[in-house]
PDB file of N, CA and C in Angstrom:
ATOM      1  N   MET A   1      76.994   2.628  62.139  1.00  0.00           N
ATOM      2  CA  MET A   1      76.728   1.323  61.176  1.00  0.00           C
ATOM      3  C   MET A   1      77.161  -0.179  61.412  1.00  0.00           C
ATOM      4  N   GLU A   2      76.849  -1.001  60.861  1.00  0.00           N
ATOM      5  CA  GLU A   2      76.992  -2.623  60.634  1.00  0.00           C
ATOM      6  C   GLU A   2      78.172  -2.192  59.666  1.00  0.00           C
ATOM      7  N   ALA A   3      79.258  -3.283  59.229  1.00  0.00           N
ATOM      8  CA  ALA A   3      79.716  -3.767  58.284  1.00  0.00           C
ATOM      9  C   ALA A   3      78.560  -4.090  57.349  1.00  0.00           C
ATOM     10  N   ALA A   4      78.843  -3.740  56.043  1.00  0.00           N
ATOM     11  CA  ALA A   4      78.268  -4.390  54.971  1.00  0.00           C
ATOM     12  C   ALA A   4      78.484  -6.220  54.813  1.00  0.00           C
ATOM     13  N   HIS A   5      78.229  -6.912  54.354  1.00  0.00           N
ATOM     14  CA  HIS A   5      78.092  -8.489  53.728  1.00  0.00           C
ATOM     15  C   HIS A   5      78.067  -8.124  52.586  1.00  0.00           C
ATOM     16  N   ILE A   6      78.781  -8.572  51.695  1.00  0.00           N
ATOM     17  CA  ILE A   6      78.506  -8.141  49.652  1.00  0.00           C
ATOM     18  C   ILE A   6      78.505 -10.038  49.647  1.00  0.00           C
ATOM     19  N   SER A   7      78.296 -10.604  48.997  1.00  0.00           N
ATOM     20  CA  SER A   7      77.916 -11.456  48.055  1.00  0.00           C
ATOM     21  C   SER A   7      77.712 -11.472  46.397  1.00  0.00           C
ATOM     22  N   VAL A   8      78.522 -11.870  45.897  1.00  0.00           N
ATOM     23  CA  VAL A   8      78.025 -11.695  44.216  1.00  0.00           C
ATOM     24  C   VAL A   8      77.685 -13.095  43.380  1.00  0.00           C
ATOM     25  N   GLU A   9      77.058 -13.197  42.700  1.00  0.00           N
ATOM     26  CA  GLU A   9      76.910 -14.841  42.555  1.00  0.00           C
ATOM     27  C   GLU A   9      76.363 -14.627  41.023  1.00  0.00           C
ATOM     28  N   SER A  10      77.350 -15.559  39.942  1.00  0.00           N
ATOM     29  CA  SER A  10      77.241 -15.619  38.658  1.00  0.00           C
ATOM     30  C   SER A  10      75.844 -16.604  38.329  1.00  0.00           C
ATOM     31  N   SER A  11      75.435 -16.497  37.277  1.00  0.00           N
ATOM     32  CA  SER A  11      74.602 -16.785  36.640  1.00  0.00           C
ATOM     33  C   SER A  11      74.877 -17.299  35.488  1.00  0.00           C
ATOM     34  N   GLY A  12      76.211 -17.488  35.577  1.00  0.00           N
ATOM     35  CA  GLY A  12      76.002 -17.767  33.824  1.00  0.00           C
ATOM     36  C   GLY A  12      76.584 -17.526  32.568  1.00  0.00           C
ATOM     37  N   GLY A  13      76.071 -15.330  32.760  1.00  0.00           N
ATOM     38  CA  GLY A  13      75.790 -15.050  32.075  1.00  0.00           C
ATOM     39  C   GLY A  13      76.834 -14.021  32.556  1.00  0.00           C
ATOM     40  N   PRO A  14      76.246 -12.595  31.504  1.00  0.00           N
ATOM     41  CA  PRO A  14      76.939 -11.339  32.165  1.00  0.00           C
ATOM     42  C   PRO A  14      76.141 -10.612  33.207  1.00  0.00           C
ATOM     43  N   VAL A  15      75.119 -11.265  33.381  1.00  0.00           N
ATOM     44  CA  VAL A  15      74.217 -10.794  34.831  1.00  0.00           C
ATOM     45  C   VAL A  15      74.775 -11.556  36.175  1.00  0.00           C
ATOM     46  N   TYR A  16      75.603 -10.845  37.268  1.00  0.00           N
ATOM     47  CA  TYR A  16      75.116 -11.750  38.324  1.00  0.00           C
ATOM     48  C   TYR A  16      74.160 -10.260  39.672  1.00  0.00           C
ATOM     49  N   ARG A  17      74.095 -11.988  40.289  1.00  0.00           N
ATOM     50  CA  ARG A  17      73.572 -11.032  41.109  1.00  0.00           C
ATOM     51  C   ARG A  17      74.219 -10.881  43.044  1.00  0.00           C
ATOM     52  N   VAL A  18      73.920  -9.744  43.082  1.00  0.00           N
ATOM     53  CA  VAL A  18      74.769  -9.083  44.314  1.00  0.00           C
ATOM     54  C   VAL A  18      73.402  -9.167  45.602  1.00  0.00           C
ATOM     55  N   VAL A  19      73.887  -9.419  45.729  1.00  0.00           N
ATOM     56  CA  VAL A  19      73.149  -9.571  47.730  1.00  0.00           C
ATOM     57  C   VAL A  19      74.454  -8.937  49.196  1.00  0.00           C
ATOM     58  N   VAL A  20      73.552  -7.742  49.793  1.00  0.00           N
ATOM     59  CA  VAL A  20      74.348  -7.263  50.144  1.00  0.00           C
ATOM     60  C   VAL A  20      72.950  -6.939  51.416  1.00  0.00           C
ATOM     61  N   THR A  21      74.000  -7.865  52.840  1.00  0.00           N
ATOM     62  CA  THR A  21      73.576  -7.393  53.781  1.00  0.00           C
ATOM     63  C   THR A  21      74.046  -7.283  54.837  1.00  0.00           C
ATOM     64  N   GLN A  22      72.848  -5.923  55.811  1.00  0.00           N
ATOM     65  CA  GLN A  22      73.819  -5.033  56.435  1.00  0.00           C
ATOM     66  C   GLN A  22      72.287  -5.099  57.607  1.00  0.00           C
ATOM     67  N   GLY A  23      73.658  -6.039  58.900  1.00  0.00           N
ATOM     68  CA  GLY A  23      72.166  -6.396  59.757  1.00  0.00           C
ATOM     69  C   GLY A  23      71.022  -6.649  59.638  1.00  0.00           C
ATOM     70  N   ARG A  24      69.820  -6.486  60.174  1.00  0.00           N
ATOM     71  CA  ARG A  24      68.781  -7.843  59.328  1.00  0.00           C
ATOM     72  C   ARG A  24      68.385  -7.138  58.297  1.00  0.00           C
ATOM     73  N   ASN A  25      68.735  -6.060  57.423  1.00  0.00           N
ATOM     74  CA  ASN A  25      68.434  -5.912  55.760  1.00  0.00           C
ATOM     75  C   ASN A  25      69.064  -6.350  55.240  1.00  0.00           C
ATOM     76  N   LYS A  26      68.905  -7.174  53.458  1.00  0.00           N
ATOM     77  CA  LYS A  26      69.792  -7.072  52.614  1.00  0.00           C
ATOM     78  C   LYS A  26      68.703  -6.670  51.822  1.00  0.00           C
ATOM     79  N   THR A  27      69.389  -6.758  50.351  1.00  0.00           N
ATOM     80  CA  THR A  27      69.078  -5.854  49.604  1.00  0.00           C
ATOM     81  C   THR A  27      69.894  -6.824  48.481  1.00  0.00           C
ATOM     82  N   THR A  28      69.098  -7.123  46.964  1.00  0.00           N
ATOM     83  CA  THR A  28      69.802  -7.954  45.875  1.00  0.00           C
ATOM     84  C   THR A  28      69.307  -6.947  44.730  1.00  0.00           C
ATOM     85  N   HIS A  29      70.585  -7.904  43.842  1.00  0.00           N
ATOM     86  CA  HIS A  29      70.511  -6.807  42.854  1.00  0.00           C
ATOM     87  C   HIS A  29      71.220  -7.481  41.529  1.00  0.00           C
ATOM     88  N   ASP A  30      70.559  -7.024  40.793  1.00  0.00           N
ATOM     89  CA  ASP A  30      71.059  -7.796  39.309  1.00  0.00           C
ATOM     90  C   ASP A  30      71.605  -7.188  38.182  1.00  0.00           C
ATOM     91  N   VAL A  31      73.203  -6.952  38.193  1.00  0.00           N
ATOM     92  CA  VAL A  31      73.736  -6.249  37.127  1.00  0.00           C
ATOM     93  C   VAL A  31      74.784  -7.039  36.503  1.00  0.00           C
ATOM     94  N   THR A  32      74.670  -6.491  35.436  1.00  0.00           N
ATOM     95  CA  THR A  32      75.125  -6.835  33.938  1.00  0.00           C
ATOM     96  C   THR A  32      76.441  -6.448  33.803  1.00  0.00           C
ATOM     97  N   VAL A  33      77.718  -7.563  33.009  1.00  0.00           N
ATOM     98  CA  VAL A  33      79.030  -6.957  33.315  1.00  0.00           C
ATOM     99  C   VAL A  33      79.471  -7.546  32.107  1.00  0.00           C
ATOM    100  N   THR A  34      80.115  -7.122  31.616  1.00  0.00           N
ATOM    101  CA  THR A  34      80.653  -7.002  30.221  1.00  0.00           C
ATOM    102  C   THR A  34      81.835  -7.783  30.432  1.00  0.00           C
ATOM    103  N   PRO A  35      82.440  -8.304  29.597  1.00  0.00           N
ATOM    104  CA  PRO A  35      83.739  -8.112  29.285  1.00  0.00           C
ATOM    105  C   PRO A  35      84.512  -7.056  29.323  1.00  0.00           C
ATOM    106  N   GLU A  36      83.573  -6.442  28.712  1.00  0.00           N
ATOM    107  CA  GLU A  36      84.344  -4.634  27.829  1.00  0.00           C
ATOM    108  C   GLU A  36      84.158  -4.061  28.635  1.00  0.00           C
ATOM    109  N   ASP A  37      83.129  -4.276  30.010  1.00  0.00           N
ATOM    110  CA  ASP A  37      83.668  -3.594  30.838  1.00  0.00           C
ATOM    111  C   ASP A  37      84.462  -3.515  31.990  1.00  0.00           C
ATOM    112  N   ILE A  38      85.182  -5.107  32.427  1.00  0.00           N
ATOM    113  CA  ILE A  38      85.690  -5.284  32.796  1.00  0.00           C
ATOM    114  C   ILE A  38      87.069  -4.735  32.750  1.00  0.00           C
ATOM    115  N   ALA A  39      87.380  -5.159  31.093  1.00  0.00           N
ATOM    116  CA  ALA A  39      88.304  -4.591  30.224  1.00  0.00           C
ATOM    117  C   ALA A  39      88.280  -3.392  30.528  1.00  0.00           C
ATOM    118  N   ARG A  40      87.538  -2.636  30.691  1.00  0.00           N
ATOM    119  CA  ARG A  40      87.664  -1.023  31.298  1.00  0.00           C
ATOM    120  C   ARG A  40      87.944  -0.709  32.639  1.00  0.00           C
ATOM    121  N   TYR A  41      87.055  -1.145  33.252  1.00  0.00           N
ATOM    122  CA  TYR A  41      87.510  -0.964  34.856  1.00  0.00           C
ATOM    123  C   TYR A  41      88.766  -1.784  35.418  1.00  0.00           C
ATOM    124  N   ALA A  42      88.670  -2.849  34.961  1.00  0.00           N
ATOM    125  CA  ALA A  42      89.475  -3.468  36.012  1.00  0.00           C
ATOM    126  C   ALA A  42      90.273  -4.935  35.559  1.00  0.00           C
ATOM    127  N   PRO A  43      91.159  -4.680  34.377  1.00  0.00           N
ATOM    128  CA  PRO A  43      92.028  -5.072  33.928  1.00  0.00           C
ATOM    129  C   PRO A  43      91.758  -7.215  34.837  1.00  0.00           C
ATOM    130  N   ALA A  44      92.737  -6.433  35.665  1.00  0.00           N
ATOM    131  CA  ALA A  44      93.362  -7.915  36.155  1.00  0.00           C
ATOM    132  C   ALA A  44      92.411  -9.071  36.848  1.00  0.00           C
ATOM    133  N   ALA A  45      91.368  -8.437  36.899  1.00  0.00           N
ATOM    134  CA  ALA A  45      90.226  -8.348  38.246  1.00  0.00           C
ATOM    135  C   ALA A  45      88.820 -10.045  37.922  1.00  0.00           C
ATOM    136  N   THR A  46      88.281 -10.133  37.990  1.00  0.00           N
ATOM    137  CA  THR A  46      86.742 -11.294  38.322  1.00  0.00           C
ATOM    138  C   THR A  46      86.298 -10.536  38.051  1.00  0.00           C
ATOM    139  N   PRO A  47      85.100 -10.753  37.495  1.00  0.00           N
ATOM    140  CA  PRO A  47      84.081 -10.008  37.253  1.00  0.00           C
ATOM    141  C   PRO A  47      83.222  -9.920  39.233  1.00  0.00           C
ATOM    142  N   GLU A  48      83.361 -11.264  39.702  1.00  0.00           N
ATOM    143  CA  GLU A  48      83.263 -11.454  40.178  1.00  0.00           C
ATOM    144  C   GLU A  48      83.629 -10.034  41.988  1.00  0.00           C
ATOM    145  N   ARG A  49      84.867 -10.074  41.561  1.00  0.00           N
ATOM    146  CA  ARG A  49      86.035  -9.029  42.535  1.00  0.00           C
ATOM    147  C   ARG A  49      85.411  -7.556  42.570  1.00  0.00           C
ATOM    148  N   LEU A  50      85.726  -7.134  41.143  1.00  0.00           N
ATOM    149  CA  LEU A  50      84.513  -5.911  40.538  1.00  0.00           C
ATOM    150  C   LEU A  50      83.405  -5.595  41.078  1.00  0.00           C
ATOM    151  N   LEU A  51      82.155  -6.187  40.410  1.00  0.00           N
ATOM    152  CA  LEU A  51      81.090  -6.329  41.779  1.00  0.00           C
ATOM    153  C   LEU A  51      81.483  -6.118  43.187  1.00  0.00           C
ATOM    154  N   ALA A  52      82.248  -6.879  43.594  1.00  0.00           N
ATOM    155  CA  ALA A  52      82.014  -6.627  45.490  1.00  0.00           C
ATOM    156  C   ALA A  52      83.198  -5.695  45.462  1.00  0.00           C
ATOM    157  N   ALA A  53      83.819  -4.699  44.600  1.00  0.00           N
ATOM    158  CA  ALA A  53      84.533  -3.903  44.826  1.00  0.00           C
ATOM    159  C   ALA A  53      83.672  -2.506  44.430  1.00  0.00           C
ATOM    160  N   SER A  54      82.833  -2.619  43.615  1.00  0.00           N
ATOM    161  CA  SER A  54      81.820  -1.203  43.228  1.00  0.00           C
ATOM    162  C   SER A  54      80.778  -1.331  44.064  1.00  0.00           C
ATOM    163  N   PHE A  55      80.294  -2.665  45.216  1.00  0.00           N
ATOM    164  CA  PHE A  55      79.291  -2.228  45.970  1.00  0.00           C
ATOM    165  C   PHE A  55      80.880  -1.370  46.615  1.00  0.00           C
ATOM    166  N   GLU A  56      81.778  -1.794  47.100  1.00  0.00           N
ATOM    167  CA  GLU A  56      81.493  -0.988  48.238  1.00  0.00           C
ATOM    168  C   GLU A  56      82.249   0.511  48.007  1.00  0.00           C
ATOM    169  N   PHE A  57      82.297   0.577  47.142  1.00  0.00           N
ATOM    170  CA  PHE A  57      81.976   1.904  46.552  1.00  0.00           C
ATOM    171  C   PHE A  57      81.013   2.625  46.756  1.00  0.00           C
ATOM    172  N   LEU A  58      79.865   1.914  46.004  1.00  0.00           N
ATOM    173  CA  LEU A  58      78.808   2.472  45.989  1.00  0.00           C
ATOM    174  C   LEU A  58      78.574   2.441  47.480  1.00  0.00           C
ATOM    175  N   LEU A  59      78.524   1.740  48.499  1.00  0.00           N
ATOM    176  CA  LEU A  59      77.749   1.520  49.607  1.00  0.00           C
ATOM    177  C   LEU A  59      78.498   2.861  50.337  1.00  0.00           C
ATOM    178  N   GLU A  60      80.150   3.589  50.262  1.00  0.00           N
ATOM    179  CA  GLU A  60      80.632   3.894  50.535  1.00  0.00           C
ATOM    180  C   GLU A  60      79.618   5.918  50.692  1.00  0.00           C
ATOM    181  N   ARG A  61      78.792   5.645  49.818  1.00  0.00           N
ATOM    182  CA  ARG A  61      77.969   6.942  49.543  1.00  0.00           C
ATOM    183  C   ARG A  61      77.589   7.138  48.827  1.00  0.00           C
ATOM    184  N   GLU A  62      76.046   5.863  49.862  1.00  0.00           N
ATOM    185  CA  GLU A  62      75.155   6.022  49.402  1.00  0.00           C
ATOM    186  C   GLU A  62      74.259   4.183  50.525  1.00  0.00           C
ATOM    187  N   PRO A  63      72.929   4.121  51.109  1.00  0.00           N
ATOM    188  CA  PRO A  63      72.500   3.130  51.352  1.00  0.00           C
ATOM    189  C   PRO A  63      72.329   2.392  50.541  1.00  0.00           C
ATOM    190  N   ALA A  64      72.468   0.829  50.634  1.00  0.00           N
ATOM    191  CA  ALA A  64      71.969  -0.371  49.990  1.00  0.00           C
ATOM    192  C   ALA A  64      70.446   0.120  49.594  1.00  0.00           C
ATOM    193  N   SER A  65      69.969   0.586  50.008  1.00  0.00           N
ATOM    194  CA  SER A  65      68.823   0.615  50.119  1.00  0.00           C
ATOM    195  C   SER A  65      68.231   1.669  48.294  1.00  0.00           C
ATOM    196  N   SER A  66      69.415   2.564  48.389  1.00  0.00           N
ATOM    197  CA  SER A  66      69.079   3.575  47.223  1.00  0.00           C
ATOM    198  C   SER A  66      70.640   2.794  46.750  1.00  0.00           C
ATOM    199  N   ILE A  67      70.975   2.023  45.952  1.00  0.00           N
ATOM    200  CA  ILE A  67      71.272   1.049  44.898  1.00  0.00           C
ATOM    201  C   ILE A  67      70.508   0.689  44.418  1.00  0.00           C
ATOM    202  N   LEU A  68      70.459   0.640  42.926  1.00  0.00           N
ATOM    203  CA  LEU A  68      69.274   0.174  41.818  1.00  0.00           C
ATOM    204  C   LEU A  68      69.349  -1.092  42.126  1.00  0.00           C
ATOM    205  N   SER A  69      67.752  -1.744  41.714  1.00  0.00           N
ATOM    206  CA  SER A  69      67.787  -3.667  41.906  1.00  0.00           C
ATOM    207  C   SER A  69      68.221  -4.422  40.547  1.00  0.00           C
ATOM    208  N   ARG A  70      68.377  -3.396  39.489  1.00  0.00           N
ATOM    209  CA  ARG A  70      69.070  -3.867  38.273  1.00  0.00           C
ATOM    210  C   ARG A  70      69.896  -2.990  37.650  1.00  0.00           C
ATOM    211  N   PHE A  71      71.017  -2.639  37.021  1.00  0.00           N
ATOM    212  CA  PHE A  71      71.843  -2.156  36.522  1.00  0.00           C
ATOM    213  C   PHE A  71      72.720  -2.450  35.788  1.00  0.00           C
ATOM    214  N   SER A  72      73.465  -2.293  34.389  1.00  0.00           N
ATOM    215  CA  SER A  72      74.963  -2.065  33.944  1.00  0.00           C
ATOM    216  C   SER A  72      75.899  -1.529  35.051  1.00  0.00           C
ATOM    217  N   LEU A  73      76.908  -2.506  34.587  1.00  0.00           N
ATOM    218  CA  LEU A  73      77.908  -1.212  36.130  1.00  0.00           C
ATOM    219  C   LEU A  73      78.432  -0.175  34.920  1.00  0.00           C
ATOM    220  N   PRO A  74      78.752   0.578  33.655  1.00  0.00           N
ATOM    221  CA  PRO A  74      79.249   1.341  33.744  1.00  0.00           C
ATOM    222  C   PRO A  74      77.821   2.509  33.857  1.00  0.00           C
ATOM    223  N   VAL A  75      76.185   2.280  34.560  1.00  0.00           N
ATOM    224  CA  VAL A  75      75.825   3.629  34.983  1.00  0.00           C
ATOM    225  C   VAL A  75      76.113   3.607  36.596  1.00  0.00           C
ATOM    226  N   ILE A  76      77.415   3.025  37.264  1.00  0.00           N
ATOM    227  CA  ILE A  76      77.955   3.990  38.498  1.00  0.00           C
ATOM    228  C   ILE A  76      78.207   5.000  37.820  1.00  0.00           C
ATOM    229  N   GLU A  77      79.653   5.125  36.552  1.00  0.00           N
ATOM    230  CA  GLU A  77      79.399   6.151  36.125  1.00  0.00           C
ATOM    231  C   GLU A  77      78.632   6.857  35.949  1.00  0.00           C
ATOM    232  N   THR A  78      77.327   7.637  35.538  1.00  0.00           N
ATOM    233  CA  THR A  78      76.794   8.107  35.114  1.00  0.00           C
ATOM    234  C   THR A  78      76.349   8.988  36.845  1.00  0.00           C
ATOM    235  N   TYR A  79      75.988   8.501  37.601  1.00  0.00           N
ATOM    236  CA  TYR A  79      75.987   9.034  38.980  1.00  0.00           C
ATOM    237  C   TYR A  79      77.242   9.149  39.705  1.00  0.00           C
ATOM    238  N   PHE A  80      78.422   9.201  39.765  1.00  0.00           N
ATOM    239  CA  PHE A  80      79.446   8.633  40.437  1.00  0.00           C
ATOM    240  C   PHE A  80      80.771   9.159  39.097  1.00  0.00           C
ATOM    241  N   PRO A  81      81.657  10.374  38.786  1.00  0.00           N
ATOM    242  CA  PRO A  81      81.879  10.158  37.589  1.00  0.00           C
ATOM    243  C   PRO A  81      83.676   9.624  38.112  1.00  0.00           C
ATOM    244  N   GLU A  82      83.515  10.049  39.395  1.00  0.00           N
ATOM    245  CA  GLU A  82      85.327   9.679  39.946  1.00  0.00           C
ATOM    246  C   GLU A  82      85.286   7.651  39.819  1.00  0.00           C
ATOM    247  N   TYR A  83      83.639   7.325  39.740  1.00  0.00           N
ATOM    248  CA  TYR A  83      84.444   5.472  39.722  1.00  0.00           C
ATOM    249  C   TYR A  83      85.096   4.778  39.114  1.00  0.00           C
ATOM    250  N   PRO A  84      85.240   5.307  37.313  1.00  0.00           N
ATOM    251  CA  PRO A  84      86.361   4.795  36.522  1.00  0.00           C
ATOM    252  C   PRO A  84      87.829   4.816  37.788  1.00  0.00           C
ATOM    253  N   ARG A  85      87.895   5.550  37.510  1.00  0.00           N
ATOM    254  CA  ARG A  85      89.680   6.342  39.068  1.00  0.00           C
ATOM    255  C   ARG A  85      89.672   5.391  40.398  1.00  0.00           C
ATOM    256  N   VAL A  86      88.442   6.041  40.720  1.00  0.00           N
ATOM    257  CA  VAL A  86      88.517   4.566  42.565  1.00  0.00           C
ATOM    258  C   VAL A  86      88.535   3.534  41.982  1.00  0.00           C
ATOM    259  N   ILE A  87      87.468   3.253  41.521  1.00  0.00           N
ATOM    260  CA  ILE A  87      87.802   1.658  41.414  1.00  0.00           C
ATOM    261  C   ILE A  87      89.136   1.158  40.513  1.00  0.00           C
ATOM    262  N   GLY A  88      90.124   1.700  40.014  1.00  0.00           N
ATOM    263  CA  GLY A  88      90.890   0.958  39.543  1.00  0.00           C
ATOM    264  C   GLY A  88      92.256   0.895  40.337  1.00  0.00           C
ATOM    265  N   GLN A  89      91.973   2.186  42.166  1.00  0.00           N
ATOM    266  CA  GLN A  89      92.753   2.581  43.088  1.00  0.00           C
ATOM    267  C   GLN A  89      92.794   0.647  43.909  1.00  0.00           C
ATOM    268  N   MET A  90      91.350   0.651  43.847  1.00  0.00           N
ATOM    269  CA  MET A  90      90.563  -0.129  44.279  1.00  0.00           C
ATOM    270  C   MET A  90      90.674  -1.713  44.493  1.00  0.00           C
ATOM    271  N   LEU A  91      91.469  -1.796  43.621  1.00  0.00           N
ATOM    272  CA  LEU A  91      91.642  -3.799  42.953  1.00  0.00           C
ATOM    273  C   LEU A  91      93.023  -3.594  42.612  1.00  0.00           C
TER     274      LEU A  91
END
């Protein structure tokens, strides 16, 4: 499968737009990231870097088309309990 390109754009608020492009397929996701989320999952990372790594994490487990189009970052943990541990190792 072709590698995904992950682009993260800030809205200036807590919601970030993440665009995943894989070949001809493109999905768009609006993800809310709070300062508390950053402190919990990756204190040294920017929100953009945390989101890019989070989408790399998700894409290893499911296709982009299965990722919710709108969610808050901690939702990942409800589907993948290993997320907090693994994301810390990825960053």
